[in-house]
PDB file of N, CA and C in Angstrom:
ATOM      1  N   MET A   1     250.274  32.253 248.389  1.00  0.00           N
ATOM      2  CA  MET A   1     249.668  33.400 247.750  1.00  0.00           C
ATOM      3  C   MET A   1     248.474  33.869 248.587  1.00  0.00           C
ATOM      4  N   ALA A   2     248.322  35.178 248.727  1.00  0.00           N
ATOM      5  CA  ALA A   2     247.235  35.742 249.530  1.00  0.00           C
ATOM      6  C   ALA A   2     245.899  35.559 248.832  1.00  0.00           C
ATOM      7  N   ASP A   3     244.864  35.389 249.640  1.00  0.00           N
ATOM      8  CA  ASP A   3     243.511  35.247 249.117  1.00  0.00           C
ATOM      9  C   ASP A   3     243.030  36.605 248.627  1.00  0.00           C
ATOM     10  N   PRO A   4     242.696  36.768 247.320  1.00  0.00           N
ATOM     11  CA  PRO A   4     242.266  38.068 246.815  1.00  0.00           C
ATOM     12  C   PRO A   4     240.928  38.526 247.381  1.00  0.00           C
ATOM     13  N   GLU A   5     240.152  37.620 248.014  1.00  0.00           N
ATOM     14  CA  GLU A   5     238.868  37.989 248.579  1.00  0.00           C
ATOM     15  C   GLU A   5     238.997  38.536 250.001  1.00  0.00           C
ATOM     16  N   THR A   6     240.192  38.453 250.589  1.00  0.00           N
ATOM     17  CA  THR A   6     240.401  38.915 251.952  1.00  0.00           C
ATOM     18  C   THR A   6     241.161  40.234 251.932  1.00  0.00           C
ATOM     19  N   PRO A   7     240.584  41.297 252.537  1.00  0.00           N
ATOM     20  CA  PRO A   7     241.309  42.570 252.553  1.00  0.00           C
ATOM     21  C   PRO A   7     242.571  42.461 253.402  1.00  0.00           C
ATOM     22  N   VAL A   8     243.604  43.158 252.991  1.00  0.00           N
ATOM     23  CA  VAL A   8     244.853  43.148 253.707  1.00  0.00           C
ATOM     24  C   VAL A   8     244.726  44.050 254.927  1.00  0.00           C
ATOM     25  N   THR A   9     244.970  43.495 256.105  1.00  0.00           N
ATOM     26  CA  THR A   9     244.877  44.276 257.333  1.00  0.00           C
ATOM     27  C   THR A   9     246.041  43.922 258.243  1.00  0.00           C
ATOM     28  N   ASN A  10     246.270  44.781 259.220  1.00  0.00           N
ATOM     29  CA  ASN A  10     247.285  44.565 260.247  1.00  0.00           C
ATOM     30  C   ASN A  10     248.667  44.276 259.684  1.00  0.00           C
ATOM     31  N   GLN A  11     249.102  45.082 258.765  1.00  0.00           N
ATOM     32  CA  GLN A  11     250.450  44.932 258.230  1.00  0.00           C
ATOM     33  C   GLN A  11     251.419  45.883 258.928  1.00  0.00           C
ATOM     34  N   GLY A  12     251.045  46.367 260.105  1.00  0.00           N
ATOM     35  CA  GLY A  12     251.880  47.322 260.810  1.00  0.00           C
ATOM     36  C   GLY A  12     251.451  48.727 260.487  1.00  0.00           C
ATOM     37  N   PRO A  13     252.149  49.694 261.079  1.00  0.00           N
ATOM     38  CA  PRO A  13     251.753  51.087 260.855  1.00  0.00           C
ATOM     39  C   PRO A  13     251.991  51.523 259.419  1.00  0.00           C
ATOM     40  N   VAL A  14     251.003  52.225 258.869  1.00  0.00           N
ATOM     41  CA  VAL A  14     251.109  52.748 257.517  1.00  0.00           C
ATOM     42  C   VAL A  14     251.224  54.264 257.613  1.00  0.00           C
ATOM     43  N   THR A  15     252.215  54.801 256.958  1.00  0.00           N
ATOM     44  CA  THR A  15     252.395  56.252 256.963  1.00  0.00           C
ATOM     45  C   THR A  15     252.119  56.780 255.574  1.00  0.00           C
ATOM     46  N   ILE A  16     251.194  57.730 255.495  1.00  0.00           N
ATOM     47  CA  ILE A  16     250.882  58.370 254.224  1.00  0.00           C
ATOM     48  C   ILE A  16     251.590  59.701 254.205  1.00  0.00           C
ATOM     49  N   SER A  17     252.323  59.951 253.162  1.00  0.00           N
ATOM     50  CA  SER A  17     253.078  61.186 253.058  1.00  0.00           C
ATOM     51  C   SER A  17     252.147  62.390 253.051  1.00  0.00           C
ATOM     52  N   SER A  18     252.410  63.341 253.922  1.00  0.00           N
ATOM     53  CA  SER A  18     251.568  64.540 253.967  1.00  0.00           C
ATOM     54  C   SER A  18     251.806  65.437 252.759  1.00  0.00           C
ATOM     55  N   SER A  19     252.919  65.262 252.074  1.00  0.00           N
ATOM     56  CA  SER A  19     253.192  66.104 250.898  1.00  0.00           C
ATOM     57  C   SER A  19     252.335  65.733 249.703  1.00  0.00           C
ATOM     58  N   SER A  20     251.672  64.578 249.751  1.00  0.00           N
ATOM     59  CA  SER A  20     250.845  64.159 248.618  1.00  0.00           C
ATOM     60  C   SER A  20     249.399  64.643 248.741  1.00  0.00           C
ATOM     61  N   ALA A  21     248.989  65.092 249.908  1.00  0.00           N
ATOM     62  CA  ALA A  21     247.579  65.421 250.151  1.00  0.00           C
ATOM     63  C   ALA A  21     247.064  66.531 249.251  1.00  0.00           C
ATOM     64  N   GLU A  22     247.837  67.597 249.074  1.00  0.00           N
ATOM     65  CA  GLU A  22     247.330  68.725 248.283  1.00  0.00           C
ATOM     66  C   GLU A  22     247.329  68.443 246.785  1.00  0.00           C
ATOM     67  N   ARG A  23     248.003  67.401 246.355  1.00  0.00           N
ATOM     68  CA  ARG A  23     248.031  67.076 244.925  1.00  0.00           C
ATOM     69  C   ARG A  23     247.021  66.004 244.540  1.00  0.00           C
ATOM     70  N   ALA A  24     246.400  65.387 245.518  1.00  0.00           N
ATOM     71  CA  ALA A  24     245.443  64.313 245.230  1.00  0.00           C
ATOM     72  C   ALA A  24     244.153  64.911 244.678  1.00  0.00           C
ATOM     73  N   PRO A  25     243.630  64.346 243.592  1.00  0.00           N
ATOM     74  CA  PRO A  25     242.388  64.890 243.028  1.00  0.00           C
ATOM     75  C   PRO A  25     241.182  64.542 243.896  1.00  0.00           C
ATOM     76  N   ILE A  26     240.177  65.375 243.840  1.00  0.00           N
ATOM     77  CA  ILE A  26     238.896  65.088 244.468  1.00  0.00           C
ATOM     78  C   ILE A  26     237.967  64.617 243.354  1.00  0.00           C
ATOM     79  N   VAL A  27     237.430  63.438 243.511  1.00  0.00           N
ATOM     80  CA  VAL A  27     236.567  62.866 242.485  1.00  0.00           C
ATOM     81  C   VAL A  27     235.138  62.880 243.002  1.00  0.00           C
ATOM     82  N   TYR A  28     234.263  63.608 242.321  1.00  0.00           N
ATOM     83  CA  TYR A  28     232.856  63.643 242.677  1.00  0.00           C
ATOM     84  C   TYR A  28     232.092  62.786 241.667  1.00  0.00           C
ATOM     85  N   PHE A  29     231.106  62.047 242.161  1.00  0.00           N
ATOM     86  CA  PHE A  29     230.280  61.267 241.248  1.00  0.00           C
ATOM     87  C   PHE A  29     228.890  61.088 241.826  1.00  0.00           C
ATOM     88  N   ASP A  30     227.915  60.923 240.944  1.00  0.00           N
ATOM     89  CA  ASP A  30     226.533  60.684 241.333  1.00  0.00           C
ATOM     90  C   ASP A  30     226.190  59.199 241.284  1.00  0.00           C
ATOM     91  N   GLY A  31     227.021  58.406 240.649  1.00  0.00           N
ATOM     92  CA  GLY A  31     226.755  56.984 240.557  1.00  0.00           C
ATOM     93  C   GLY A  31     227.832  56.258 239.778  1.00  0.00           C
ATOM     94  N   ALA A  32     227.712  54.965 239.733  1.00  0.00           N
ATOM     95  CA  ALA A  32     228.605  54.127 238.941  1.00  0.00           C
ATOM     96  C   ALA A  32     227.855  53.745 237.674  1.00  0.00           C
ATOM     97  N   SER A  33     228.364  54.171 236.523  1.00  0.00           N
ATOM     98  CA  SER A  33     227.646  53.937 235.275  1.00  0.00           C
ATOM     99  C   SER A  33     227.795  52.497 234.773  1.00  0.00           C
ATOM    100  N   CYS A  34     228.923  51.874 235.072  1.00  0.00           N
ATOM    101  CA  CYS A  34     229.115  50.475 234.700  1.00  0.00           C
ATOM    102  C   CYS A  34     230.318  49.914 235.448  1.00  0.00           C
ATOM    103  N   PHE A  35     230.451  48.610 235.420  1.00  0.00           N
ATOM    104  CA  PHE A  35     231.547  47.964 236.147  1.00  0.00           C
ATOM    105  C   PHE A  35     231.852  46.622 235.513  1.00  0.00           C
ATOM    106  N   GLY A  36     233.009  46.082 235.869  1.00  0.00           N
ATOM    107  CA  GLY A  36     233.412  44.777 235.363  1.00  0.00           C
ATOM    108  C   GLY A  36     234.784  44.421 235.894  1.00  0.00           C
ATOM    109  N   HIS A  37     235.436  43.476 235.210  1.00  0.00           N
ATOM    110  CA  HIS A  37     236.805  43.106 235.581  1.00  0.00           C
ATOM    111  C   HIS A  37     237.532  42.666 234.328  1.00  0.00           C
ATOM    112  N   HIS A  38     238.840  42.824 234.356  1.00  0.00           N
ATOM    113  CA  HIS A  38     239.658  42.433 233.210  1.00  0.00           C
ATOM    114  C   HIS A  38     241.058  42.091 233.702  1.00  0.00           C
ATOM    115  N   ASN A  39     241.542  40.910 233.376  1.00  0.00           N
ATOM    116  CA  ASN A  39     242.870  40.457 233.777  1.00  0.00           C
ATOM    117  C   ASN A  39     243.126  40.616 235.269  1.00  0.00           C
ATOM    118  N   GLY A  40     242.127  40.319 236.089  1.00  0.00           N
ATOM    119  CA  GLY A  40     242.283  40.378 237.534  1.00  0.00           C
ATOM    120  C   GLY A  40     242.082  41.747 238.150  1.00  0.00           C
ATOM    121  N   ALA A  41     241.823  42.775 237.351  1.00  0.00           N
ATOM    122  CA  ALA A  41     241.616  44.125 237.879  1.00  0.00           C
ATOM    123  C   ALA A  41     240.128  44.455 237.898  1.00  0.00           C
ATOM    124  N   ILE A  42     239.677  45.004 238.991  1.00  0.00           N
ATOM    125  CA  ILE A  42     238.303  45.473 239.108  1.00  0.00           C
ATOM    126  C   ILE A  42     238.201  46.795 238.355  1.00  0.00           C
ATOM    127  N   GLN A  43     237.133  46.970 237.574  1.00  0.00           N
ATOM    128  CA  GLN A  43     236.940  48.188 236.792  1.00  0.00           C
ATOM    129  C   GLN A  43     235.574  48.783 237.131  1.00  0.00           C
ATOM    130  N   ILE A  44     235.575  50.051 237.536  1.00  0.00           N
ATOM    131  CA  ILE A  44     234.325  50.751 237.841  1.00  0.00           C
ATOM    132  C   ILE A  44     234.403  52.127 237.198  1.00  0.00           C
ATOM    133  N   GLU A  45     233.370  52.478 236.441  1.00  0.00           N
ATOM    134  CA  GLU A  45     233.300  53.800 235.819  1.00  0.00           C
ATOM    135  C   GLU A  45     232.385  54.679 236.661  1.00  0.00           C
ATOM    136  N   LEU A  46     232.882  55.815 237.110  1.00  0.00           N
ATOM    137  CA  LEU A  46     232.104  56.742 237.916  1.00  0.00           C
ATOM    138  C   LEU A  46     231.563  57.851 237.022  1.00  0.00           C
ATOM    139  N   ALA A  47     230.346  58.277 237.292  1.00  0.00           N
ATOM    140  CA  ALA A  47     229.697  59.277 236.446  1.00  0.00           C
ATOM    141  C   ALA A  47     228.989  60.324 237.305  1.00  0.00           C
ATOM    142  N   ALA A  48     228.821  61.510 236.732  1.00  0.00           N
ATOM    143  CA  ALA A  48     228.117  62.605 237.403  1.00  0.00           C
ATOM    144  C   ALA A  48     227.109  63.217 236.443  1.00  0.00           C
ATOM    145  N   ASN A  49     226.058  63.774 237.014  1.00  0.00           N
ATOM    146  CA  ASN A  49     225.041  64.470 236.224  1.00  0.00           C
ATOM    147  C   ASN A  49     225.528  65.893 235.957  1.00  0.00           C
ATOM    148  N   LEU A  50     225.375  66.336 234.731  1.00  0.00           N
ATOM    149  CA  LEU A  50     225.746  67.679 234.331  1.00  0.00           C
ATOM    150  C   LEU A  50     224.477  68.366 233.832  1.00  0.00           C
ATOM    151  N   LEU A  51     224.105  69.459 234.481  1.00  0.00           N
ATOM    152  CA  LEU A  51     222.895  70.185 234.092  1.00  0.00           C
ATOM    153  C   LEU A  51     223.236  71.189 233.006  1.00  0.00           C
ATOM    154  N   MET A  52     222.521  71.110 231.895  1.00  0.00           N
ATOM    155  CA  MET A  52     222.758  71.979 230.749  1.00  0.00           C
ATOM    156  C   MET A  52     221.483  72.754 230.433  1.00  0.00           C
ATOM    157  N   PRO A  53     221.540  74.095 230.459  1.00  0.00           N
ATOM    158  CA  PRO A  53     220.352  74.870 230.122  1.00  0.00           C
ATOM    159  C   PRO A  53     220.034  74.760 228.635  1.00  0.00           C
ATOM    160  N   VAL A  54     218.770  74.538 228.330  1.00  0.00           N
ATOM    161  CA  VAL A  54     218.296  74.464 226.958  1.00  0.00           C
ATOM    162  C   VAL A  54     217.046  75.344 226.892  1.00  0.00           C
ATOM    163  N   GLY A  55     217.237  76.590 226.519  1.00  0.00           N
ATOM    164  CA  GLY A  55     216.115  77.536 226.528  1.00  0.00           C
ATOM    165  C   GLY A  55     215.625  77.722 227.942  1.00  0.00           C
ATOM    166  N   ALA A  56     214.318  77.505 228.149  1.00  0.00           N
ATOM    167  CA  ALA A  56     213.744  77.630 229.483  1.00  0.00           C
ATOM    168  C   ALA A  56     213.810  76.309 230.253  1.00  0.00           C
ATOM    169  N   ALA A  57     214.310  75.259 229.627  1.00  0.00           N
ATOM    170  CA  ALA A  57     214.368  73.936 230.243  1.00  0.00           C
ATOM    171  C   ALA A  57     215.811  73.599 230.649  1.00  0.00           C
ATOM    172  N   VAL A  58     215.966  72.447 231.253  1.00  0.00           N
ATOM    173  CA  VAL A  58     217.278  71.951 231.648  1.00  0.00           C
ATOM    174  C   VAL A  58     217.420  70.513 231.155  1.00  0.00           C
ATOM    175  N   ARG A  59     218.536  70.243 230.505  1.00  0.00           N
ATOM    176  CA  ARG A  59     218.849  68.891 230.043  1.00  0.00           C
ATOM    177  C   ARG A  59     219.900  68.308 230.995  1.00  0.00           C
ATOM    178  N   VAL A  60     219.769  67.042 231.331  1.00  0.00           N
ATOM    179  CA  VAL A  60     220.736  66.379 232.189  1.00  0.00           C
ATOM    180  C   VAL A  60     221.619  65.483 231.327  1.00  0.00           C
ATOM    181  N   ASP A  61     222.903  65.816 231.274  1.00  0.00           N
ATOM    182  CA  ASP A  61     223.877  64.959 230.597  1.00  0.00           C
ATOM    183  C   ASP A  61     224.634  64.175 231.657  1.00  0.00           C
ATOM    184  N   VAL A  62     224.959  62.931 231.371  1.00  0.00           N
ATOM    185  CA  VAL A  62     225.763  62.117 232.273  1.00  0.00           C
ATOM    186  C   VAL A  62     227.163  62.052 231.691  1.00  0.00           C
ATOM    187  N   ILE A  63     228.157  62.437 232.508  1.00  0.00           N
ATOM    188  CA  ILE A  63     229.545  62.422 232.061  1.00  0.00           C
ATOM    189  C   ILE A  63     230.369  61.522 232.970  1.00  0.00           C
ATOM    190  N   GLN A  64     231.394  60.888 232.410  1.00  0.00           N
ATOM    191  CA  GLN A  64     232.310  60.081 233.202  1.00  0.00           C
ATOM    192  C   GLN A  64     233.232  61.021 233.972  1.00  0.00           C
ATOM    193  N   THR A  65     233.398  60.776 235.278  1.00  0.00           N
ATOM    194  CA  THR A  65     234.307  61.587 236.078  1.00  0.00           C
ATOM    195  C   THR A  65     235.564  60.834 236.486  1.00  0.00           C
ATOM    196  N   ALA A  66     235.522  59.491 236.445  1.00  0.00           N
ATOM    197  CA  ALA A  66     236.706  58.725 236.815  1.00  0.00           C
ATOM    198  C   ALA A  66     236.583  57.294 236.305  1.00  0.00           C
ATOM    199  N   HIS A  67     237.731  56.702 236.072  1.00  0.00           N
ATOM    200  CA  HIS A  67     237.838  55.289 235.696  1.00  0.00           C
ATOM    201  C   HIS A  67     238.596  54.611 236.838  1.00  0.00           C
ATOM    202  N   LEU A  68     237.900  53.921 237.718  1.00  0.00           N
ATOM    203  CA  LEU A  68     238.496  53.307 238.892  1.00  0.00           C
ATOM    204  C   LEU A  68     239.001  51.916 238.528  1.00  0.00           C
ATOM    205  N   ARG A  69     240.277  51.666 238.815  1.00  0.00           N
ATOM    206  CA  ARG A  69     240.887  50.361 238.582  1.00  0.00           C
ATOM    207  C   ARG A  69     241.629  49.956 239.841  1.00  0.00           C
ATOM    208  N   CYS A  70     241.427  48.701 240.300  1.00  0.00           N
ATOM    209  CA  CYS A  70     242.119  48.250 241.505  1.00  0.00           C
ATOM    210  C   CYS A  70     242.105  46.726 241.572  1.00  0.00           C
ATOM    211  N   SER A  71     242.882  46.211 242.502  1.00  0.00           N
ATOM    212  CA  SER A  71     242.901  44.769 242.736  1.00  0.00           C
ATOM    213  C   SER A  71     241.650  44.378 243.519  1.00  0.00           C
ATOM    214  N   PRO A  72     241.298  43.084 243.525  1.00  0.00           N
ATOM    215  CA  PRO A  72     240.162  42.655 244.336  1.00  0.00           C
ATOM    216  C   PRO A  72     240.340  42.998 245.824  1.00  0.00           C
ATOM    217  N   ALA A  73     241.552  42.883 246.344  1.00  0.00           N
ATOM    218  CA  ALA A  73     241.800  43.220 247.754  1.00  0.00           C
ATOM    219  C   ALA A  73     241.576  44.702 248.003  1.00  0.00           C
ATOM    220  N   ALA A  74     242.004  45.539 247.088  1.00  0.00           N
ATOM    221  CA  ALA A  74     241.794  46.984 247.231  1.00  0.00           C
ATOM    222  C   ALA A  74     240.303  47.313 247.125  1.00  0.00           C
ATOM    223  N   ALA A  75     239.576  46.622 246.260  1.00  0.00           N
ATOM    224  CA  ALA A  75     238.134  46.841 246.134  1.00  0.00           C
ATOM    225  C   ALA A  75     237.420  46.473 247.437  1.00  0.00           C
ATOM    226  N   LEU A  76     237.844  45.380 248.069  1.00  0.00           N
ATOM    227  CA  LEU A  76     237.260  45.004 249.356  1.00  0.00           C
ATOM    228  C   LEU A  76     237.577  46.034 250.433  1.00  0.00           C
ATOM    229  N   ALA A  77     238.787  46.561 250.430  1.00  0.00           N
ATOM    230  CA  ALA A  77     239.156  47.599 251.401  1.00  0.00           C
ATOM    231  C   ALA A  77     238.339  48.866 251.164  1.00  0.00           C
ATOM    232  N   LEU A  78     238.104  49.221 249.896  1.00  0.00           N
ATOM    233  CA  LEU A  78     237.285  50.377 249.566  1.00  0.00           C
ATOM    234  C   LEU A  78     235.849  50.158 250.026  1.00  0.00           C
ATOM    235  N   ARG A  79     235.316  48.961 249.765  1.00  0.00           N
ATOM    236  CA  ARG A  79     233.956  48.651 250.195  1.00  0.00           C
ATOM    237  C   ARG A  79     233.837  48.736 251.712  1.00  0.00           C
ATOM    238  N   GLU A  80     234.835  48.246 252.431  1.00  0.00           N
ATOM    239  CA  GLU A  80     234.828  48.319 253.894  1.00  0.00           C
ATOM    240  C   GLU A  80     234.844  49.779 254.355  1.00  0.00           C
ATOM    241  N   ALA A  81     235.653  50.616 253.711  1.00  0.00           N
ATOM    242  CA  ALA A  81     235.710  52.037 254.083  1.00  0.00           C
ATOM    243  C   ALA A  81     234.374  52.722 253.791  1.00  0.00           C
ATOM    244  N   ILE A  82     233.748  52.399 252.672  1.00  0.00           N
ATOM    245  CA  ILE A  82     232.447  52.992 252.334  1.00  0.00           C
ATOM    246  C   ILE A  82     231.389  52.529 253.330  1.00  0.00           C
ATOM    247  N   ASP A  83     231.387  51.234 253.671  1.00  0.00           N
ATOM    248  CA  ASP A  83     230.416  50.721 254.654  1.00  0.00           C
ATOM    249  C   ASP A  83     230.578  51.426 255.995  1.00  0.00           C
ATOM    250  N   LYS A  84     231.821  51.633 256.433  1.00  0.00           N
ATOM    251  CA  LYS A  84     232.060  52.303 257.717  1.00  0.00           C
ATOM    252  C   LYS A  84     231.661  53.774 257.652  1.00  0.00           C
ATOM    253  N   ALA A  85     231.929  54.445 256.532  1.00  0.00           N
ATOM    254  CA  ALA A  85     231.537  55.851 256.386  1.00  0.00           C
ATOM    255  C   ALA A  85     230.016  55.981 256.379  1.00  0.00           C
ATOM    256  N   LEU A  86     229.314  55.059 255.726  1.00  0.00           N
ATOM    257  CA  LEU A  86     227.848  55.082 255.727  1.00  0.00           C
ATOM    258  C   LEU A  86     227.288  54.813 257.126  1.00  0.00           C
ATOM    259  N   ALA A  87     227.926  53.927 257.880  1.00  0.00           N
ATOM    260  CA  ALA A  87     227.491  53.670 259.254  1.00  0.00           C
ATOM    261  C   ALA A  87     227.680  54.923 260.106  1.00  0.00           C
ATOM    262  N   MET A  88     228.781  55.631 259.914  1.00  0.00           N
ATOM    263  CA  MET A  88     229.004  56.885 260.654  1.00  0.00           C
ATOM    264  C   MET A  88     227.932  57.903 260.273  1.00  0.00           C
ATOM    265  N   TYR A  89     227.595  57.986 258.993  1.00  0.00           N
ATOM    266  CA  TYR A  89     226.569  58.909 258.515  1.00  0.00           C
ATOM    267  C   TYR A  89     225.220  58.592 259.150  1.00  0.00           C
ATOM    268  N   ARG A  90     224.856  57.306 259.137  1.00  0.00           N
ATOM    269  CA  ARG A  90     223.564  56.889 259.716  1.00  0.00           C
ATOM    270  C   ARG A  90     223.513  57.198 261.207  1.00  0.00           C
ATOM    271  N   GLN A  91     224.618  56.989 261.908  1.00  0.00           N
ATOM    272  CA  GLN A  91     224.663  57.273 263.335  1.00  0.00           C
ATOM    273  C   GLN A  91     224.451  58.766 263.584  1.00  0.00           C
ATOM    274  N   GLY A  92     225.037  59.613 262.761  1.00  0.00           N
ATOM    275  CA  GLY A  92     224.858  61.052 262.895  1.00  0.00           C
ATOM    276  C   GLY A  92     223.428  61.475 262.591  1.00  0.00           C
ATOM    277  N   GLN A  93     222.753  60.772 261.696  1.00  0.00           N
ATOM    278  CA  GLN A  93     221.371  61.091 261.341  1.00  0.00           C
ATOM    279  C   GLN A  93     220.412  60.719 262.468  1.00  0.00           C
ATOM    280  N   GLN A  94     220.769  59.751 263.308  1.00  0.00           N
ATOM    281  CA  GLN A  94     219.892  59.299 264.374  1.00  0.00           C
ATOM    282  C   GLN A  94     219.954  60.204 265.599  1.00  0.00           C
ATOM    283  N   GLN A  95     221.004  60.995 265.734  1.00  0.00           N
ATOM    284  CA  GLN A  95     221.131  61.876 266.886  1.00  0.00           C
ATOM    285  C   GLN A  95     220.236  63.096 266.680  1.00  0.00           C
ATOM    286  N   PRO A  96     219.615  63.576 267.767  1.00  0.00           N
ATOM    287  CA  PRO A  96     218.762  64.763 267.617  1.00  0.00           C
ATOM    288  C   PRO A  96     219.609  65.974 267.227  1.00  0.00           C
ATOM    289  N   PRO A  97     219.049  66.878 266.452  1.00  0.00           N
ATOM    290  CA  PRO A  97     219.820  68.053 266.048  1.00  0.00           C
ATOM    291  C   PRO A  97     220.187  68.888 267.268  1.00  0.00           C
ATOM    292  N   GLU A  98     221.382  69.443 267.228  1.00  0.00           N
ATOM    293  CA  GLU A  98     221.865  70.259 268.339  1.00  0.00           C
ATOM    294  C   GLU A  98     221.177  71.612 268.299  1.00  0.00           C
ATOM    295  N   THR A  99     220.627  72.014 269.446  1.00  0.00           N
ATOM    296  CA  THR A  99     219.991  73.326 269.505  1.00  0.00           C
ATOM    297  C   THR A  99     221.041  74.384 269.838  1.00  0.00           C
ATOM    298  N   ILE A 100     220.914  75.482 269.169  1.00  0.00           N
ATOM    299  CA  ILE A 100     221.831  76.598 269.406  1.00  0.00           C
ATOM    300  C   ILE A 100     221.204  77.489 270.461  1.00  0.00           C
ATOM    301  N   PRO A 101     221.885  77.649 271.596  1.00  0.00           N
ATOM    302  CA  PRO A 101     221.303  78.477 272.653  1.00  0.00           C
ATOM    303  C   PRO A 101     221.235  79.937 272.231  1.00  0.00           C
ATOM    304  N   THR A 102     220.161  80.579 272.636  1.00  0.00           N
ATOM    305  CA  THR A 102     220.035  82.006 272.368  1.00  0.00           C
ATOM    306  C   THR A 102     220.707  82.777 273.497  1.00  0.00           C
ATOM    307  N   VAL A 103     221.609  83.638 273.137  1.00  0.00           N
ATOM    308  CA  VAL A 103     222.348  84.421 274.132  1.00  0.00           C
ATOM    309  C   VAL A 103     222.073  85.881 273.858  1.00  0.00           C
ATOM    310  N   LYS A 104     221.663  86.565 274.889  1.00  0.00           N
ATOM    311  CA  LYS A 104     221.434  88.006 274.757  1.00  0.00           C
ATOM    312  C   LYS A 104     222.445  88.731 275.618  1.00  0.00           C
ATOM    313  N   ASN A 105     223.017  89.770 275.066  1.00  0.00           N
ATOM    314  CA  ASN A 105     223.991  90.576 275.801  1.00  0.00           C
ATOM    315  C   ASN A 105     223.332  91.688 276.533  1.00  0.00           C
TER     316      ASN A 105
END
């Protein structure tokens, strides 16, 4: 039996159907409101802030945007992807901003 703490890697080439891309939902969230596990499945609730006008003020409501469920191996793969995406982001932040040359005709 595979170790659930080890992400599955190098299983050969993986092909993702291009016909599924336009039907996949985009999930936006501002944070994880809670998390846990049940019967071997990782459970994470994703939430977003919703701004609601109340007279001249603004009230912030927190709403659930997704209920994430996955195996421990899938959670590790997701964590690895998030860590790599954050490293790419940090690397981009360290580079000096590109200057746009002024061109006169």
